Amino acid sequence: MRVVEVNRQLVSKQALRVCRCSVLGLLSVGLTSCSGILAPIGPVGAGNAEILIDATVVMLVIVIPTIIVAFWVAWHYRASNAAAEYLPYWSYSGRIEAVVWSIPILTIMFIGGLIWIGSYRLDPFRPLPSRDPTLEVEVVSLDWKWLFIYPEQGIATVNQLVMPVGTPVHFSITSASVFNVFFIPRLGSMIYAMPGMVSELHLQADRAAQIAGLSAQFSGDGFSDMDFEVRSVPDAEFGAWVDGVRGTGPTLDQAAYSELLKQSHRVPPSSYRAADRGLFHAIATQQIPPGPGPQPEGPGHAGREVSTGGSD
C-alpha cells in the first residue's frame, strides 16, 4: 500500500510539472506572437510563420504521444502492478522495429516537404507579385550600423528604413566589413550581408506599422546595438518623407562615406539629402576598400555614440 501511495504522489507531481511547463510554453508563444515572427505584417513573414507553425504541429504529433506513452509505461510497469507482463529475455519485435523506423521516416518526409515547398515559394531572390512597381533599396552593413541607399530617390539613411505599404521592396545587400545578417522579423527572411558580394531579398509590408530590424549574427562589441527602425507608411506619406529628406542634411559622397565607415556604437537614425549613385557598386565590388572589421578596444571603453548626417 505504501508503494502504491508513493507512486501516486510521484505521478501527481509529474503531472503538475507537465501542466506548469505547458502553461509557460503557451505564454512564451503568446508573448512571441505579439511582436515577433508570429505576428507578420507582410506575405513573406506570413509564409515563414506558416512553415514554423506547420513544422511544430508535425513534431507535436510525435512528441505528445511519446510523452503519454512514457507516462503510461511508468505507471503500467510500476513495482506494485503484478499483472504487468515481465519479459526479461525479450530481444526482438518486428512490430516495434516497424514503428520505431516508420515514425521518424514519415516525420522527415512531412517536415522536409513543408520546408521544400515553402523555401521554393519564399526564395529571397524571387520577386513578389504586385501591380505596383518595386522599390529599390541598397543595404550596406557597417560596424555597427546599417546604411540604406534609395537609388531611385537619390537619398540615403542610417539605421532607418521607410517603405510604402503594399509596395514590394527589392533589397540589394552587401557588407563593408565582416559577415552579417540582415533581418526584419515581422517581414521575414533573414539573409547574409557578405563583403565583396551582393545578396538579394524581396519583402513587402501590407499595413502601416513601426517595427524593428536587427543584425542576426555576432560581429563584435557593438553587435547588441546594431538594430534599426522600420516604418511602413502610406504612399502619400512616403512621398512626403522623401521630399523632407531631400530638403535637409548633408550629401553622402565618398568622403562622407569614409567617415561613416569608421567604427561607432549606438548610432541614432539619420539621413542624407543626396547620395552618390555609384557608391553601392563601389562598396560591393570593393573599389572602396572595406573597413578593418571589429577592432579590440582599450579597457574601460564603453563605445562611442556618433551622429551621422542630418536627422530625419
C-alpha atoms as a PDB file:
ATOM      1  CA  MET A   1       0.000   0.000   0.000  1.00  0.00           C
ATOM      2  CA  ARG A   2       2.843   2.377   0.796  1.00  0.00           C
ATOM      3  CA  VAL A   3       4.420   1.725  -2.621  1.00  0.00           C
ATOM      4  CA  VAL A   4       1.122   2.434  -4.376  1.00  0.00           C
ATOM      5  CA  GLU A   5       0.675   5.671  -2.434  1.00  0.00           C
ATOM      6  CA  VAL A   6       4.234   6.791  -3.207  1.00  0.00           C
ATOM      7  CA  ASN A   7       3.742   6.039  -6.900  1.00  0.00           C
ATOM      8  CA  ARG A   8       0.522   8.040  -6.936  1.00  0.00           C
ATOM      9  CA  GLN A   9       2.280  11.006  -5.363  1.00  0.00           C
ATOM     10  CA  LEU A  10       5.098  10.799  -7.918  1.00  0.00           C
ATOM     11  CA  VAL A  11       2.630  10.658 -10.805  1.00  0.00           C
ATOM     12  CA  SER A  12       0.667  13.645  -9.454  1.00  0.00           C
ATOM     13  CA  LYS A  13       3.897  15.648  -9.088  1.00  0.00           C
ATOM     14  CA  GLN A  14       4.937  14.780 -12.640  1.00  0.00           C
ATOM     15  CA  ALA A  15       1.504  15.799 -13.933  1.00  0.00           C
ATOM     16  CA  LEU A  16       1.755  19.116 -12.092  1.00  0.00           C
ATOM     17  CA  ARG A  17       5.179  19.764 -13.627  1.00  0.00           C
ATOM     18  CA  VAL A  18       3.839  18.976 -17.106  1.00  0.00           C
ATOM     19  CA  CYS A  19       0.955  21.397 -16.604  1.00  0.00           C
ATOM     20  CA  ARG A  20       3.319  24.138 -15.443  1.00  0.00           C
ATOM     21  CA  CYS A  21       5.636  23.593 -18.431  1.00  0.00           C
ATOM     22  CA  SER A  22       2.659  23.646 -20.810  1.00  0.00           C
ATOM     23  CA  VAL A  23       1.391  26.935 -19.379  1.00  0.00           C
ATOM     24  CA  LEU A  24       4.858  28.510 -19.585  1.00  0.00           C
ATOM     25  CA  GLY A  25       5.218  27.300 -23.158  1.00  0.00           C
ATOM     26  CA  LEU A  26       1.867  28.772 -24.184  1.00  0.00           C
ATOM     27  CA  LEU A  27       2.738  32.067 -22.501  1.00  0.00           C
ATOM     28  CA  SER A  28       6.082  32.248 -24.304  1.00  0.00           C
ATOM     29  CA  VAL A  29       4.405  31.568 -27.652  1.00  0.00           C
ATOM     30  CA  GLY A  30       1.824  34.250 -26.908  1.00  0.00           C
ATOM     31  CA  LEU A  31       4.457  36.826 -25.999  1.00  0.00           C
ATOM     32  CA  THR A  32       6.494  35.977 -29.097  1.00  0.00           C
ATOM     33  CA  SER A  33       3.463  36.317 -31.348  1.00  0.00           C
ATOM     34  CA  CYS A  34       2.848  39.864 -30.091  1.00  0.00           C
ATOM     35  CA  SER A  35       5.985  41.333 -31.625  1.00  0.00           C
ATOM     36  CA  GLY A  36       7.989  38.615 -33.385  1.00  0.00           C
ATOM     37  CA  ILE A  37       7.845  36.338 -36.376  1.00  0.00           C
ATOM     38  CA  LEU A  38       4.415  35.002 -35.353  1.00  0.00           C
ATOM     39  CA  ALA A  39       2.902  38.456 -35.888  1.00  0.00           C
ATOM     40  CA  PRO A  40       3.835  39.100 -39.551  1.00  0.00           C
ATOM     41  CA  ILE A  41       2.743  42.175 -41.465  1.00  0.00           C
ATOM     42  CA  GLY A  42       3.694  41.006 -44.948  1.00  0.00           C
ATOM     43  CA  PRO A  43       3.377  37.991 -47.277  1.00  0.00           C
ATOM     44  CA  VAL A  44       6.932  36.719 -46.731  1.00  0.00           C
ATOM     45  CA  GLY A  45       6.646  36.938 -42.948  1.00  0.00           C
ATOM     46  CA  ALA A  46       3.274  35.174 -43.113  1.00  0.00           C
ATOM     47  CA  GLY A  47       4.833  32.383 -45.174  1.00  0.00           C
ATOM     48  CA  ASN A  48       7.683  31.987 -42.698  1.00  0.00           C
ATOM     49  CA  ALA A  49       5.256  31.842 -39.764  1.00  0.00           C
ATOM     50  CA  GLU A  50       3.159  29.237 -41.583  1.00  0.00           C
ATOM     51  CA  ILE A  51       6.200  26.992 -42.100  1.00  0.00           C
ATOM     52  CA  LEU A  52       7.164  27.340 -38.424  1.00  0.00           C
ATOM     53  CA  ILE A  53       3.661  26.504 -37.176  1.00  0.00           C
ATOM     54  CA  ASP A  54       3.197  23.562 -39.581  1.00  0.00           C
ATOM     55  CA  ALA A  55       6.576  22.084 -38.644  1.00  0.00           C
ATOM     56  CA  THR A  56       5.760  22.485 -34.939  1.00  0.00           C
ATOM     57  CA  VAL A  57       2.400  20.719 -35.371  1.00  0.00           C
ATOM     58  CA  VAL A  58       4.044  17.805 -37.191  1.00  0.00           C
ATOM     59  CA  MET A  59       6.628  17.450 -34.410  1.00  0.00           C
ATOM     60  CA  LEU A  60       3.959  17.683 -31.691  1.00  0.00           C
ATOM     61  CA  VAL A  61       2.115  14.784 -33.344  1.00  0.00           C
ATOM     62  CA  ILE A  62       5.188  12.731 -32.431  1.00  0.00           C
ATOM     63  CA  VAL A  63       6.163  14.382 -29.149  1.00  0.00           C
ATOM     64  CA  ILE A  64       2.775  14.345 -27.383  1.00  0.00           C
ATOM     65  CA  PRO A  65       2.024  10.617 -27.913  1.00  0.00           C
ATOM     66  CA  THR A  66       5.615   9.812 -26.903  1.00  0.00           C
ATOM     67  CA  ILE A  67       5.189  11.688 -23.612  1.00  0.00           C
ATOM     68  CA  ILE A  68       1.841   9.987 -22.988  1.00  0.00           C
ATOM     69  CA  VAL A  69       3.316   6.531 -23.683  1.00  0.00           C
ATOM     70  CA  ALA A  70       6.267   7.276 -21.380  1.00  0.00           C
ATOM     71  CA  PHE A  71       3.902   8.049 -18.500  1.00  0.00           C
ATOM     72  CA  TRP A  72       1.757   5.011 -19.327  1.00  0.00           C
ATOM     73  CA  VAL A  73       4.815   2.705 -19.289  1.00  0.00           C
ATOM     74  CA  ALA A  74       5.962   4.127 -15.951  1.00  0.00           C
ATOM     75  CA  TRP A  75       2.505   3.586 -14.471  1.00  0.00           C
ATOM     76  CA  HIS A  76       1.777   0.195 -16.021  1.00  0.00           C
ATOM     77  CA  TYR A  77       5.131  -1.346 -15.127  1.00  0.00           C
ATOM     78  CA  ARG A  78       5.320   0.004 -11.586  1.00  0.00           C
ATOM     79  CA  ALA A  79       6.589  -2.358  -8.914  1.00  0.00           C
ATOM     80  CA  SER A  80       3.152  -2.849  -7.356  1.00  0.00           C
ATOM     81  CA  ASN A  81       1.465  -3.994 -10.592  1.00  0.00           C
ATOM     82  CA  ALA A  82       1.897  -7.748 -10.514  1.00  0.00           C
ATOM     83  CA  ALA A  83      -0.295  -8.150 -13.613  1.00  0.00           C
ATOM     84  CA  ALA A  84       2.226  -6.363 -15.865  1.00  0.00           C
ATOM     85  CA  GLU A  85       3.874  -8.836 -18.246  1.00  0.00           C
ATOM     86  CA  TYR A  86       7.579  -9.245 -17.494  1.00  0.00           C
ATOM     87  CA  LEU A  87       9.838 -10.446 -20.329  1.00  0.00           C
ATOM     88  CA  PRO A  88      13.438 -10.367 -19.101  1.00  0.00           C
ATOM     89  CA  TYR A  89      14.790 -12.247 -22.142  1.00  0.00           C
ATOM     90  CA  TRP A  90      12.872 -10.367 -24.864  1.00  0.00           C
ATOM     91  CA  SER A  91      15.239  -9.296 -27.637  1.00  0.00           C
ATOM     92  CA  TYR A  92      13.385  -8.535 -30.898  1.00  0.00           C
ATOM     93  CA  SER A  93       9.984  -7.452 -32.155  1.00  0.00           C
ATOM     94  CA  GLY A  94       9.269  -6.819 -35.835  1.00  0.00           C
ATOM     95  CA  ARG A  95       6.257  -4.661 -34.965  1.00  0.00           C
ATOM     96  CA  ILE A  96       8.259  -2.422 -32.634  1.00  0.00           C
ATOM     97  CA  GLU A  97      11.045  -2.111 -35.216  1.00  0.00           C
ATOM     98  CA  ALA A  98       8.492  -1.093 -37.872  1.00  0.00           C
ATOM     99  CA  VAL A  99       7.024   1.591 -35.606  1.00  0.00           C
ATOM    100  CA  VAL A 100      10.440   2.842 -34.434  1.00  0.00           C
ATOM    101  CA  TRP A 101      11.697   3.318 -38.002  1.00  0.00           C
ATOM    102  CA  SER A 102       8.485   4.372 -39.775  1.00  0.00           C
ATOM    103  CA  ILE A 103       7.636   7.263 -37.437  1.00  0.00           C
ATOM    104  CA  PRO A 104      10.901   9.240 -37.909  1.00  0.00           C
ATOM    105  CA  ILE A 105      10.891   8.487 -41.658  1.00  0.00           C
ATOM    106  CA  LEU A 106       7.354   9.848 -42.025  1.00  0.00           C
ATOM    107  CA  THR A 107       8.237  12.852 -39.853  1.00  0.00           C
ATOM    108  CA  ILE A 108      11.248  13.693 -42.016  1.00  0.00           C
ATOM    109  CA  MET A 109       9.139  13.308 -45.178  1.00  0.00           C
ATOM    110  CA  PHE A 110       6.397  15.616 -43.885  1.00  0.00           C
ATOM    111  CA  ILE A 111       8.709  18.299 -42.494  1.00  0.00           C
ATOM    112  CA  GLY A 112      11.044  18.075 -45.498  1.00  0.00           C
ATOM    113  CA  GLY A 113       8.117  18.517 -47.871  1.00  0.00           C
ATOM    114  CA  LEU A 114       6.793  21.517 -45.959  1.00  0.00           C
ATOM    115  CA  ILE A 115      10.199  23.198 -45.859  1.00  0.00           C
ATOM    116  CA  TRP A 116      10.999  22.446 -49.506  1.00  0.00           C
ATOM    117  CA  ILE A 117       7.701  23.845 -50.778  1.00  0.00           C
ATOM    118  CA  GLY A 118       7.959  26.879 -48.500  1.00  0.00           C
ATOM    119  CA  SER A 119      11.596  27.540 -49.394  1.00  0.00           C
ATOM    120  CA  TYR A 120      10.795  27.473 -53.110  1.00  0.00           C
ATOM    121  CA  ARG A 121       7.800  29.758 -52.699  1.00  0.00           C
ATOM    122  CA  LEU A 122       9.719  32.165 -50.440  1.00  0.00           C
ATOM    123  CA  ASP A 123      13.003  32.240 -52.389  1.00  0.00           C
ATOM    124  CA  PRO A 124      14.513  35.628 -51.375  1.00  0.00           C
ATOM    125  CA  PHE A 125      15.693  36.243 -54.953  1.00  0.00           C
ATOM    126  CA  ARG A 126      12.167  35.713 -56.321  1.00  0.00           C
ATOM    127  CA  PRO A 127      10.220  38.951 -56.976  1.00  0.00           C
ATOM    128  CA  LEU A 128       6.877  39.337 -55.220  1.00  0.00           C
ATOM    129  CA  PRO A 129       3.807  39.545 -57.464  1.00  0.00           C
ATOM    130  CA  SER A 130       2.339  43.052 -57.433  1.00  0.00           C
ATOM    131  CA  ARG A 131       0.779  45.653 -59.686  1.00  0.00           C
ATOM    132  CA  ASP A 132       2.870  48.378 -58.078  1.00  0.00           C
ATOM    133  CA  PRO A 133       6.443  48.982 -59.248  1.00  0.00           C
ATOM    134  CA  THR A 134       9.132  47.598 -56.959  1.00  0.00           C
ATOM    135  CA  LEU A 135      11.055  49.986 -54.722  1.00  0.00           C
ATOM    136  CA  GLU A 136      14.832  49.546 -54.889  1.00  0.00           C
ATOM    137  CA  VAL A 137      16.828  49.812 -51.663  1.00  0.00           C
ATOM    138  CA  GLU A 138      20.569  49.178 -51.346  1.00  0.00           C
ATOM    139  CA  VAL A 139      21.740  47.984 -47.925  1.00  0.00           C
ATOM    140  CA  VAL A 140      25.283  48.163 -46.542  1.00  0.00           C
ATOM    141  CA  SER A 141      26.308  46.523 -43.266  1.00  0.00           C
ATOM    142  CA  LEU A 142      28.864  48.607 -41.346  1.00  0.00           C
ATOM    143  CA  ASP A 143      30.449  48.496 -37.865  1.00  0.00           C
ATOM    144  CA  TRP A 144      27.917  48.779 -36.150  1.00  0.00           C
ATOM    145  CA  LYS A 145      25.144  50.331 -38.152  1.00  0.00           C
ATOM    146  CA  TRP A 146      23.110  49.921 -41.324  1.00  0.00           C
ATOM    147  CA  LEU A 147      23.240  52.186 -44.363  1.00  0.00           C
ATOM    148  CA  PHE A 148      20.208  52.317 -46.659  1.00  0.00           C
ATOM    149  CA  ILE A 149      20.537  53.930 -50.093  1.00  0.00           C
ATOM    150  CA  TYR A 150      17.452  54.705 -52.193  1.00  0.00           C
ATOM    151  CA  PRO A 151      18.944  54.912 -55.713  1.00  0.00           C
ATOM    152  CA  GLU A 152      15.706  55.955 -57.456  1.00  0.00           C
ATOM    153  CA  GLN A 153      15.028  58.719 -54.935  1.00  0.00           C
ATOM    154  CA  GLY A 154      18.702  59.723 -54.661  1.00  0.00           C
ATOM    155  CA  ILE A 155      18.708  59.747 -50.833  1.00  0.00           C
ATOM    156  CA  ALA A 156      20.224  57.643 -48.051  1.00  0.00           C
ATOM    157  CA  THR A 157      19.569  56.910 -44.396  1.00  0.00           C
ATOM    158  CA  VAL A 158      21.417  55.351 -41.475  1.00  0.00           C
ATOM    159  CA  ASN A 159      19.619  52.937 -39.115  1.00  0.00           C
ATOM    160  CA  GLN A 160      16.281  53.949 -40.597  1.00  0.00           C
ATOM    161  CA  LEU A 161      14.230  52.177 -43.263  1.00  0.00           C
ATOM    162  CA  VAL A 162      10.998  53.676 -44.568  1.00  0.00           C
ATOM    163  CA  MET A 163       8.888  51.791 -47.099  1.00  0.00           C
ATOM    164  CA  PRO A 164       5.432  52.333 -48.651  1.00  0.00           C
ATOM    165  CA  VAL A 165       2.596  49.990 -47.672  1.00  0.00           C
ATOM    166  CA  GLY A 166       1.666  47.407 -50.295  1.00  0.00           C
ATOM    167  CA  THR A 167       4.744  48.038 -52.418  1.00  0.00           C
ATOM    168  CA  PRO A 168       7.324  45.254 -52.925  1.00  0.00           C
ATOM    169  CA  VAL A 169      10.832  46.258 -51.916  1.00  0.00           C
ATOM    170  CA  HIS A 170      13.888  44.769 -53.599  1.00  0.00           C
ATOM    171  CA  PHE A 171      16.892  44.862 -51.279  1.00  0.00           C
ATOM    172  CA  SER A 172      20.422  44.572 -52.631  1.00  0.00           C
ATOM    173  CA  ILE A 173      22.568  43.728 -49.604  1.00  0.00           C
ATOM    174  CA  THR A 174      26.318  43.781 -49.065  1.00  0.00           C
ATOM    175  CA  SER A 175      28.793  44.319 -46.250  1.00  0.00           C
ATOM    176  CA  ALA A 176      31.611  46.840 -45.963  1.00  0.00           C
ATOM    177  CA  SER A 177      33.103  44.919 -43.060  1.00  0.00           C
ATOM    178  CA  VAL A 178      32.634  41.358 -41.749  1.00  0.00           C
ATOM    179  CA  PHE A 179      29.797  38.908 -42.487  1.00  0.00           C
ATOM    180  CA  ASN A 180      26.485  39.983 -41.048  1.00  0.00           C
ATOM    181  CA  VAL A 181      22.816  39.011 -41.235  1.00  0.00           C
ATOM    182  CA  PHE A 182      20.020  41.393 -42.231  1.00  0.00           C
ATOM    183  CA  PHE A 183      16.729  40.537 -40.533  1.00  0.00           C
ATOM    184  CA  ILE A 184      13.350  42.207 -40.048  1.00  0.00           C
ATOM    185  CA  PRO A 185      11.442  39.558 -38.024  1.00  0.00           C
ATOM    186  CA  ARG A 186       7.900  40.722 -38.814  1.00  0.00           C
ATOM    187  CA  LEU A 187       8.656  40.986 -42.543  1.00  0.00           C
ATOM    188  CA  GLY A 188      10.613  37.724 -42.715  1.00  0.00           C
ATOM    189  CA  SER A 189      13.589  36.007 -44.355  1.00  0.00           C
ATOM    190  CA  MET A 190      16.919  36.832 -42.736  1.00  0.00           C
ATOM    191  CA  ILE A 191      19.772  36.882 -45.243  1.00  0.00           C
ATOM    192  CA  TYR A 192      23.552  37.269 -45.155  1.00  0.00           C
ATOM    193  CA  ALA A 193      25.331  40.537 -45.873  1.00  0.00           C
ATOM    194  CA  MET A 194      28.700  39.453 -47.292  1.00  0.00           C
ATOM    195  CA  PRO A 195      31.735  41.556 -48.216  1.00  0.00           C
ATOM    196  CA  GLY A 196      32.504  41.571 -51.929  1.00  0.00           C
ATOM    197  CA  MET A 197      29.110  40.039 -52.793  1.00  0.00           C
ATOM    198  CA  VAL A 198      25.508  41.186 -53.232  1.00  0.00           C
ATOM    199  CA  SER A 199      22.584  39.250 -51.750  1.00  0.00           C
ATOM    200  CA  GLU A 200      19.022  39.942 -52.822  1.00  0.00           C
ATOM    201  CA  LEU A 201      15.810  39.954 -50.835  1.00  0.00           C
ATOM    202  CA  HIS A 202      12.209  40.829 -51.661  1.00  0.00           C
ATOM    203  CA  LEU A 203       9.898  41.938 -48.846  1.00  0.00           C
ATOM    204  CA  GLN A 204       6.585  43.753 -48.535  1.00  0.00           C
ATOM    205  CA  ALA A 205       4.573  45.338 -45.730  1.00  0.00           C
ATOM    206  CA  ASP A 206       0.804  45.029 -46.089  1.00  0.00           C
ATOM    207  CA  ARG A 207      -0.127  47.574 -43.428  1.00  0.00           C
ATOM    208  CA  ALA A 208       1.281  50.645 -41.744  1.00  0.00           C
ATOM    209  CA  ALA A 209       3.461  49.848 -38.748  1.00  0.00           C
ATOM    210  CA  GLN A 210       6.611  50.791 -36.885  1.00  0.00           C
ATOM    211  CA  ILE A 211       8.750  47.732 -36.254  1.00  0.00           C
ATOM    212  CA  ALA A 212      12.383  46.808 -35.634  1.00  0.00           C
ATOM    213  CA  GLY A 213      15.137  45.344 -37.777  1.00  0.00           C
ATOM    214  CA  LEU A 214      18.340  43.861 -36.440  1.00  0.00           C
ATOM    215  CA  SER A 215      21.641  42.154 -37.030  1.00  0.00           C
ATOM    216  CA  ALA A 216      21.284  38.399 -36.514  1.00  0.00           C
ATOM    217  CA  GLN A 217      24.978  37.487 -36.388  1.00  0.00           C
ATOM    218  CA  PHE A 218      27.563  38.425 -33.809  1.00  0.00           C
ATOM    219  CA  SER A 219      30.064  40.875 -35.271  1.00  0.00           C
ATOM    220  CA  GLY A 220      31.956  42.416 -32.378  1.00  0.00           C
ATOM    221  CA  ASP A 221      31.480  44.805 -29.461  1.00  0.00           C
ATOM    222  CA  GLY A 222      28.649  46.844 -30.985  1.00  0.00           C
ATOM    223  CA  PHE A 223      26.583  43.899 -32.203  1.00  0.00           C
ATOM    224  CA  SER A 224      23.922  44.183 -29.495  1.00  0.00           C
ATOM    225  CA  ASP A 225      23.140  47.770 -30.539  1.00  0.00           C
ATOM    226  CA  MET A 226      23.196  47.110 -34.279  1.00  0.00           C
ATOM    227  CA  ASP A 227      19.490  47.487 -34.901  1.00  0.00           C
ATOM    228  CA  PHE A 228      17.408  49.863 -36.988  1.00  0.00           C
ATOM    229  CA  GLU A 229      13.876  51.200 -37.105  1.00  0.00           C
ATOM    230  CA  VAL A 230      11.492  50.219 -39.890  1.00  0.00           C
ATOM    231  CA  ARG A 231       8.403  52.220 -40.809  1.00  0.00           C
ATOM    232  CA  SER A 232       5.809  51.161 -43.366  1.00  0.00           C
ATOM    233  CA  VAL A 233       3.706  54.167 -44.355  1.00  0.00           C
ATOM    234  CA  PRO A 234       1.041  55.031 -46.966  1.00  0.00           C
ATOM    235  CA  ASP A 235       2.263  56.114 -50.419  1.00  0.00           C
ATOM    236  CA  ALA A 236       1.485  59.794 -49.837  1.00  0.00           C
ATOM    237  CA  GLU A 237       3.354  59.810 -46.541  1.00  0.00           C
ATOM    238  CA  PHE A 238       6.318  58.050 -48.147  1.00  0.00           C
ATOM    239  CA  GLY A 239       6.480  60.721 -50.843  1.00  0.00           C
ATOM    240  CA  ALA A 240       6.341  63.458 -48.227  1.00  0.00           C
ATOM    241  CA  TRP A 241       9.114  61.741 -46.263  1.00  0.00           C
ATOM    242  CA  VAL A 242      11.337  61.579 -49.353  1.00  0.00           C
ATOM    243  CA  ASP A 243      10.744  65.271 -50.064  1.00  0.00           C
ATOM    244  CA  GLY A 244      11.569  66.105 -46.444  1.00  0.00           C
ATOM    245  CA  VAL A 245      14.842  64.157 -46.564  1.00  0.00           C
ATOM    246  CA  ARG A 246      15.829  65.863 -49.802  1.00  0.00           C
ATOM    247  CA  GLY A 247      15.391  69.239 -48.170  1.00  0.00           C
ATOM    248  CA  THR A 248      17.863  68.811 -45.304  1.00  0.00           C
ATOM    249  CA  GLY A 249      21.101  67.151 -44.287  1.00  0.00           C
ATOM    250  CA  PRO A 250      24.474  66.581 -45.988  1.00  0.00           C
ATOM    251  CA  THR A 251      25.366  64.667 -49.144  1.00  0.00           C
ATOM    252  CA  LEU A 252      26.617  61.083 -48.979  1.00  0.00           C
ATOM    253  CA  ASP A 253      29.704  61.108 -51.185  1.00  0.00           C
ATOM    254  CA  GLN A 254      32.857  59.042 -50.798  1.00  0.00           C
ATOM    255  CA  ALA A 255      34.342  61.483 -48.286  1.00  0.00           C
ATOM    256  CA  ALA A 256      31.225  61.290 -46.088  1.00  0.00           C
ATOM    257  CA  TYR A 257      31.153  57.529 -46.515  1.00  0.00           C
ATOM    258  CA  SER A 258      34.752  57.293 -45.300  1.00  0.00           C
ATOM    259  CA  GLU A 259      33.651  58.871 -42.016  1.00  0.00           C
ATOM    260  CA  LEU A 260      30.635  56.598 -41.840  1.00  0.00           C
ATOM    261  CA  LEU A 261      32.859  53.556 -42.359  1.00  0.00           C
ATOM    262  CA  LYS A 262      34.592  54.138 -39.028  1.00  0.00           C
ATOM    263  CA  GLN A 263      33.511  52.050 -36.042  1.00  0.00           C
ATOM    264  CA  SER A 264      30.720  53.583 -33.996  1.00  0.00           C
ATOM    265  CA  HIS A 265      28.227  52.391 -31.392  1.00  0.00           C
ATOM    266  CA  ARG A 266      24.554  53.239 -30.866  1.00  0.00           C
ATOM    267  CA  VAL A 267      24.244  55.440 -33.947  1.00  0.00           C
ATOM    268  CA  PRO A 268      20.932  57.360 -33.983  1.00  0.00           C
ATOM    269  CA  PRO A 269      18.794  57.352 -37.167  1.00  0.00           C
ATOM    270  CA  SER A 270      19.885  59.997 -39.661  1.00  0.00           C
ATOM    271  CA  SER A 271      19.551  60.870 -43.334  1.00  0.00           C
ATOM    272  CA  TYR A 272      21.392  62.283 -46.345  1.00  0.00           C
ATOM    273  CA  ARG A 273      19.624  64.568 -48.801  1.00  0.00           C
ATOM    274  CA  ALA A 274      21.632  63.140 -51.716  1.00  0.00           C
ATOM    275  CA  ALA A 275      23.704  60.015 -52.315  1.00  0.00           C
ATOM    276  CA  ASP A 276      26.403  59.182 -54.827  1.00  0.00           C
ATOM    277  CA  ARG A 277      24.738  56.934 -57.419  1.00  0.00           C
ATOM    278  CA  GLY A 278      27.740  54.655 -57.859  1.00  0.00           C
ATOM    279  CA  LEU A 279      28.538  54.331 -54.160  1.00  0.00           C
ATOM    280  CA  PHE A 280      26.873  50.967 -53.569  1.00  0.00           C
ATOM    281  CA  HIS A 281      28.527  49.411 -56.617  1.00  0.00           C
ATOM    282  CA  ALA A 282      31.918  50.697 -55.474  1.00  0.00           C
ATOM    283  CA  ILE A 283      31.335  49.216 -51.986  1.00  0.00           C
ATOM    284  CA  ALA A 284      30.083  45.847 -53.262  1.00  0.00           C
ATOM    285  CA  THR A 285      32.957  45.433 -55.723  1.00  0.00           C
ATOM    286  CA  GLN A 286      35.436  46.699 -53.094  1.00  0.00           C
ATOM    287  CA  GLN A 287      36.628  49.550 -55.285  1.00  0.00           C
ATOM    288  CA  ILE A 288      36.306  51.350 -51.973  1.00  0.00           C
ATOM    289  CA  PRO A 289      38.371  49.248 -49.535  1.00  0.00           C
ATOM    290  CA  PRO A 290      36.267  47.597 -46.827  1.00  0.00           C
ATOM    291  CA  GLY A 291      36.534  48.565 -43.195  1.00  0.00           C
ATOM    292  CA  PRO A 292      39.017  46.784 -40.930  1.00  0.00           C
ATOM    293  CA  GLY A 293      36.281  44.934 -39.072  1.00  0.00           C
ATOM    294  CA  PRO A 294      35.833  44.802 -35.293  1.00  0.00           C
ATOM    295  CA  GLN A 295      38.925  46.062 -33.507  1.00  0.00           C
ATOM    296  CA  PRO A 296      39.889  45.337 -29.888  1.00  0.00           C
ATOM    297  CA  GLU A 297      39.045  48.229 -27.628  1.00  0.00           C
ATOM    298  CA  GLY A 298      41.024  49.537 -24.681  1.00  0.00           C
ATOM    299  CA  PRO A 299      39.963  48.765 -21.087  1.00  0.00           C
ATOM    300  CA  GLY A 300      37.027  50.753 -19.865  1.00  0.00           C
ATOM    301  CA  HIS A 301      35.825  51.548 -23.374  1.00  0.00           C
ATOM    302  CA  ALA A 302      32.050  51.924 -23.347  1.00  0.00           C
ATOM    303  CA  GLY A 303      31.527  52.566 -27.032  1.00  0.00           C
ATOM    304  CA  ARG A 304      31.106  55.943 -28.602  1.00  0.00           C
ATOM    305  CA  GLU A 305      27.908  57.456 -29.791  1.00  0.00           C
ATOM    306  CA  VAL A 306      28.132  59.333 -33.072  1.00  0.00           C
ATOM    307  CA  SER A 307      25.812  61.361 -35.213  1.00  0.00           C
ATOM    308  CA  THR A 308      25.956  60.896 -38.972  1.00  0.00           C
ATOM    309  CA  GLY A 309      24.246  63.170 -41.415  1.00  0.00           C
ATOM    310  CA  GLY A 310      21.167  65.213 -40.677  1.00  0.00           C
ATOM    311  CA  SER A 311      18.363  63.923 -38.525  1.00  0.00           C
ATOM    312  CA  ASP A 312      15.066  62.930 -40.073  1.00  0.00           C
END
